[in-house]
Amino acid sequence: MAIVETEQHGQILVVRMNRPERLNALSHDMRTLLAETWTEFRRSDQFEVAIFTGSGRGFCAGEDMKESLAAGTPGGRRTATPDPFMTGELEKPVIAAVNGFAMGGGFMLVERTDLRVAVKGAVFEVSEAKRWLLGGYNHGHVANVPYPIAMEMALGFRFTAERFYDIGFLNRVVEPDQLMPTAIAMAEHLLTLPPASRVNTVRMMRQMRPTASPEQQRLAAALHEHGAKSDLIESRAAFAEKRRPNFKGWDDPQDRYRLPTLDAAKG
């Protein structure tokens, strides 16, 4: 059974993550197959729109924690094949059909899509604050949501599909049996547009999304390294062992008060 499946619906390609027993967690093999699938989709003369979904009760649980622990590489290994969906080089529109949990890296997959449909009761979480030394500071900014909601996202709180629809992160929330029909109907609408209009509009809309400034990104890079690196493995070990983590915080307790600054990042 393939861990990434595809289906053809005319000019629409359905890409389905298929590790339901692991909530479609992103193993190295799955990341590699997704990169290859998106590369083929980008180059294809047959397909113009993609629908991205998962099998079972999860869209994607994000990082494969057990694999990361076994390899000693938090975040997983980089794939040999660049992924145009993740790098932003994919010119064609992608619709998310979120069938369940979208956590951590799974949330980031949804975030990369252009239109989003989710089943009622689907759960979303930006998980960086739980797994790294800096929370997902940029996700709420990119989604253009108010500061307290962006802060809630960055600090790892969970959101329901209904709440994400209310704040404008999702386009539709539907019953489970309407997920794929709704996503296909949206894709079929896109196919009624002049091809250049569809591609150019998606390009322009993506360029208008908010982004952190270069100085803010440099500060984020410094903060990402500011703390006890042992906590990275501890967070994943605690998750895998279903226990409360025992975090160290800082190798030097005084580092708590020596935070990197935006002024230093500008220099």
Protein backbone atom coordinates (compact mmCIF):
# COMPACT_ATOMS: atom_id res chain seq x y z
CA MET A 1 0.00 0.00 0.00
CA ALA A 2 1.53 3.30 -1.14
CA ILE A 3 2.06 5.91 1.58
CA VAL A 4 1.27 8.64 -0.98
CA GLU A 5 -1.62 7.90 -3.32
CA THR A 6 -2.87 9.87 -6.31
CA GLU A 7 -6.19 9.94 -8.15
CA GLN A 8 -7.07 11.56 -11.46
CA HIS A 9 -10.27 13.54 -12.01
CA GLY A 10 -9.78 15.03 -15.45
CA GLN A 11 -7.40 17.96 -14.97
CA ILE A 12 -7.61 17.60 -11.17
CA LEU A 13 -5.02 15.55 -9.30
CA VAL A 14 -5.88 14.28 -5.81
CA VAL A 15 -2.80 13.74 -3.61
CA ARG A 16 -3.54 11.64 -0.52
CA MET A 17 -1.17 10.94 2.38
CA ASN A 18 -1.74 7.32 3.39
CA ARG A 19 -0.32 6.31 6.77
CA PRO A 20 -3.62 6.23 8.67
CA GLU A 21 -2.18 4.15 11.51
CA ARG A 22 0.21 7.07 12.26
CA LEU A 23 -2.24 9.89 11.45
CA ASN A 24 -0.19 10.37 8.26
CA ALA A 25 2.91 11.49 10.17
CA LEU A 26 5.64 12.83 7.89
CA SER A 27 8.29 10.13 7.70
CA HIS A 28 11.34 10.72 5.51
CA ASP A 29 9.90 8.35 2.91
CA MET A 30 6.60 10.25 2.84
CA ARG A 31 8.37 13.61 2.52
CA THR A 32 10.40 12.21 -0.38
CA LEU A 33 7.35 10.81 -2.17
CA LEU A 34 5.44 14.07 -1.68
CA ALA A 35 8.35 16.05 -3.14
CA GLU A 36 8.42 13.72 -6.16
CA THR A 37 4.63 13.90 -6.57
CA TRP A 38 4.53 17.71 -6.45
CA THR A 39 7.44 17.89 -8.91
CA GLU A 40 5.58 15.64 -11.35
CA PHE A 41 2.38 17.66 -10.87
CA ARG A 42 4.23 20.91 -11.56
CA ARG A 43 5.67 19.58 -14.82
CA SER A 44 2.48 17.84 -15.97
CA ASP A 45 0.61 19.08 -19.05
CA GLN A 46 -2.45 17.10 -17.93
CA PHE A 47 -3.14 18.44 -14.42
CA GLU A 48 -3.94 22.06 -13.55
CA VAL A 49 -5.31 21.91 -9.98
CA ALA A 50 -4.50 19.63 -7.05
CA ILE A 51 -6.47 18.56 -3.99
CA PHE A 52 -4.34 17.62 -0.98
CA THR A 53 -5.86 15.31 1.64
CA GLY A 54 -5.17 12.43 4.03
CA SER A 55 -6.58 9.00 4.75
CA GLY A 56 -8.19 7.89 7.99
CA ARG A 57 -9.04 10.30 10.81
CA GLY A 58 -6.07 12.61 10.34
CA PHE A 59 -4.94 14.94 7.61
CA CYS A 60 -1.38 14.92 8.95
CA ALA A 61 0.08 14.71 12.46
CA GLY A 62 3.30 16.42 11.37
CA GLU A 63 6.79 15.20 12.19
CA ASP A 64 7.27 11.45 12.69
CA MET A 65 8.52 11.66 16.30
CA LYS A 66 9.59 8.01 16.53
CA GLU A 67 11.69 8.31 13.39
CA SER A 68 13.27 11.55 14.64
CA LEU A 69 14.15 9.95 17.97
CA ALA A 70 15.65 6.87 16.31
CA ALA A 71 17.79 9.03 14.01
CA GLY A 72 18.58 11.68 16.63
CA THR A 73 17.51 14.39 14.16
CA PRO A 74 14.72 16.66 15.47
CA GLY A 75 12.60 17.81 12.57
CA GLY A 76 13.63 14.94 10.31
CA ARG A 77 16.16 14.74 7.48
CA ARG A 78 16.10 16.93 4.40
CA THR A 79 14.89 15.14 1.27
CA ALA A 80 17.19 14.76 -1.74
CA THR A 81 14.40 15.99 -4.03
CA PRO A 82 13.37 19.64 -3.52
CA ASP A 83 9.64 20.01 -2.86
CA PRO A 84 8.13 22.79 -5.03
CA PHE A 85 4.97 22.81 -2.90
CA MET A 86 6.98 23.70 0.22
CA THR A 87 9.41 26.09 -1.50
CA GLY A 88 6.62 28.10 -3.16
CA GLU A 89 7.82 27.31 -6.69
CA LEU A 90 4.62 25.41 -7.57
CA GLU A 91 2.65 27.71 -9.86
CA LYS A 92 -0.55 25.67 -9.88
CA PRO A 93 -3.25 26.08 -7.19
CA VAL A 94 -3.65 23.51 -4.43
CA ILE A 95 -6.83 22.96 -2.39
CA ALA A 96 -6.59 21.40 1.07
CA ALA A 97 -9.27 18.85 1.95
CA VAL A 98 -8.67 18.48 5.68
CA ASN A 99 -10.24 15.22 6.89
CA GLY A 100 -9.10 15.40 10.52
CA PHE A 101 -6.13 16.34 12.69
CA ALA A 102 -3.68 18.84 11.12
CA MET A 103 -0.88 19.26 13.66
CA GLY A 104 2.59 20.79 13.51
CA GLY A 105 4.03 20.04 10.10
CA GLY A 106 0.54 18.97 9.03
CA PHE A 107 -0.74 22.44 9.84
CA MET A 108 2.07 23.89 7.75
CA LEU A 109 0.94 21.79 4.79
CA VAL A 110 -2.55 23.28 5.08
CA GLU A 111 -1.03 26.75 5.40
CA ARG A 112 0.77 26.31 2.07
CA THR A 113 -2.46 25.65 0.18
CA ASP A 114 -4.52 28.30 -1.61
CA LEU A 115 -8.05 27.21 -0.71
CA ARG A 116 -9.12 25.09 2.28
CA VAL A 117 -12.05 22.82 3.07
CA ALA A 118 -12.26 20.96 6.39
CA VAL A 119 -14.65 18.51 8.00
CA LYS A 120 -16.58 19.61 11.05
CA GLY A 121 -14.61 18.91 14.21
CA ALA A 122 -11.19 18.84 12.54
CA VAL A 123 -8.44 19.97 14.93
CA PHE A 124 -5.50 22.23 14.08
CA GLU A 125 -2.35 23.02 16.06
CA VAL A 126 0.80 25.03 15.42
CA SER A 127 3.17 22.83 17.42
CA GLU A 128 6.57 24.55 17.21
CA ALA A 129 6.36 25.91 20.76
CA LYS A 130 6.10 22.31 21.99
CA ARG A 131 8.98 20.91 19.92
CA TRP A 132 11.53 23.72 19.43
CA LEU A 133 13.00 26.71 21.28
CA LEU A 134 10.77 29.19 19.45
CA GLY A 135 7.03 28.93 18.82
CA GLY A 136 5.36 29.40 15.45
CA TYR A 137 5.63 33.18 15.49
CA ASN A 138 4.92 33.72 11.81
CA HIS A 139 1.83 31.58 11.18
CA GLY A 140 -0.77 33.99 12.52
CA HIS A 141 1.05 36.84 10.79
CA VAL A 142 0.90 35.05 7.43
CA ALA A 143 -2.79 34.27 8.05
CA ASN A 144 -3.38 37.97 8.80
CA VAL A 145 -5.26 37.30 12.05
CA PRO A 146 -5.39 39.66 15.07
CA TYR A 147 -2.43 39.68 17.49
CA PRO A 148 -4.02 37.72 20.38
CA ILE A 149 -5.14 34.95 18.00
CA ALA A 150 -1.70 34.88 16.36
CA MET A 151 -0.19 34.63 19.86
CA GLU A 152 -2.56 31.77 20.73
CA MET A 153 -1.48 29.95 17.57
CA ALA A 154 2.22 30.58 18.28
CA LEU A 155 1.94 29.19 21.83
CA GLY A 156 0.54 25.85 20.66
CA PHE A 157 -3.15 26.12 21.54
CA ARG A 158 -5.51 23.94 19.51
CA PHE A 159 -8.20 25.29 17.19
CA THR A 160 -11.30 23.61 15.82
CA ALA A 161 -12.28 23.85 12.18
CA GLU A 162 -15.31 25.87 13.19
CA ARG A 163 -13.19 28.48 14.95
CA PHE A 164 -10.69 28.65 12.10
CA TYR A 165 -13.58 29.20 9.71
CA ASP A 166 -14.86 32.06 11.89
CA ILE A 167 -11.49 33.83 11.81
CA GLY A 168 -11.07 33.33 8.06
CA PHE A 169 -8.41 30.61 7.90
CA LEU A 170 -10.75 28.11 6.18
CA ASN A 171 -13.03 28.61 3.17
CA ARG A 172 -15.56 25.87 3.96
CA VAL A 173 -16.46 23.54 6.85
CA VAL A 174 -18.54 20.56 5.76
CA GLU A 175 -19.85 17.17 6.80
CA PRO A 176 -17.35 14.34 6.19
CA ASP A 177 -19.24 12.95 3.20
CA GLN A 178 -19.12 16.38 1.53
CA LEU A 179 -15.37 16.97 1.92
CA MET A 180 -14.16 15.66 -1.43
CA PRO A 181 -17.25 16.73 -3.43
CA THR A 182 -16.81 20.28 -2.11
CA ALA A 183 -13.08 20.33 -2.87
CA ILE A 184 -13.68 18.95 -6.36
CA ALA A 185 -16.40 21.56 -7.01
CA MET A 186 -13.95 24.31 -6.02
CA ALA A 187 -11.31 22.81 -8.31
CA GLU A 188 -13.79 22.61 -11.17
CA HIS A 189 -14.59 26.30 -10.70
CA LEU A 190 -10.88 27.12 -11.06
CA LEU A 191 -10.79 25.16 -14.30
CA THR A 192 -13.50 27.45 -15.79
CA LEU A 193 -11.08 30.40 -15.60
CA PRO A 194 -8.70 31.31 -18.43
CA PRO A 195 -5.50 29.35 -17.69
CA ALA A 196 -3.28 32.45 -17.56
CA SER A 197 -5.78 34.21 -15.29
CA ARG A 198 -5.82 31.27 -12.88
CA VAL A 199 -2.03 31.01 -12.70
CA ASN A 200 -1.39 34.77 -12.61
CA THR A 201 -4.04 35.43 -9.95
CA VAL A 202 -2.66 32.72 -7.68
CA ARG A 203 0.82 34.15 -8.20
CA MET A 204 -0.28 37.68 -7.32
CA MET A 205 -2.30 36.65 -4.27
CA ARG A 206 0.61 34.67 -2.86
CA GLN A 207 2.93 37.66 -3.26
CA MET A 208 0.54 39.78 -1.19
CA ARG A 209 0.59 37.52 1.86
CA PRO A 210 2.28 39.14 4.89
CA THR A 211 5.82 38.05 5.71
CA ALA A 212 8.20 38.74 8.57
CA SER A 213 10.86 41.34 7.77
CA PRO A 214 14.48 40.25 7.22
CA GLU A 215 15.40 41.67 10.65
CA GLN A 216 12.57 39.75 12.30
CA GLN A 217 13.65 36.57 10.54
CA ARG A 218 17.22 37.04 11.78
CA LEU A 219 15.92 37.58 15.32
CA ALA A 220 13.80 34.44 14.99
CA ALA A 221 16.87 32.47 13.87
CA ALA A 222 18.76 33.65 16.96
CA LEU A 223 15.84 32.84 19.27
CA HIS A 224 15.52 29.42 17.65
CA GLU A 225 18.99 28.63 19.05
CA HIS A 226 18.50 30.33 22.44
CA GLY A 227 17.99 27.63 25.05
CA ALA A 228 18.97 24.12 26.08
CA LYS A 229 19.20 22.00 22.92
CA SER A 230 18.59 18.87 25.00
CA ASP A 231 14.95 20.00 25.30
CA LEU A 232 14.46 19.29 21.59
CA ILE A 233 14.95 15.56 22.06
CA GLU A 234 13.24 15.59 25.48
CA SER A 235 10.03 17.01 23.97
CA ARG A 236 9.96 14.25 21.37
CA ALA A 237 10.87 11.51 23.84
CA ALA A 238 8.12 12.61 26.23
CA PHE A 239 5.62 12.60 23.37
CA ALA A 240 6.63 9.13 22.22
CA GLU A 241 6.62 7.77 25.78
CA LYS A 242 3.35 9.52 26.66
CA ARG A 243 4.75 11.25 29.73
CA ARG A 244 5.25 14.77 31.02
CA PRO A 245 8.49 16.30 29.68
CA ASN A 246 11.34 17.24 32.01
CA PHE A 247 12.68 20.40 30.39
CA LYS A 248 15.97 22.08 31.30
CA GLY A 249 15.18 25.49 29.81
CA TRP A 250 18.66 27.02 29.56
CA ASP A 251 22.15 25.54 29.94
CA ASP A 252 23.05 28.77 31.76
CA PRO A 253 20.06 30.00 33.84
CA GLN A 254 21.14 33.61 33.24
CA ASP A 255 20.41 33.19 29.52
CA ARG A 256 16.76 33.66 30.44
CA TYR A 257 17.62 37.34 30.88
CA ARG A 258 19.99 37.63 27.90
CA LEU A 259 17.50 37.36 25.06
CA PRO A 260 18.60 38.23 21.52
CA THR A 261 17.20 41.60 20.45
CA LEU A 262 15.79 43.06 17.26
CA ASP A 263 18.40 45.83 17.35
CA ALA A 264 21.18 43.24 17.35
CA ALA A 265 19.49 41.44 14.44
CA LYS A 266 19.57 44.66 12.41
CA GLY A 267 23.36 44.93 12.76
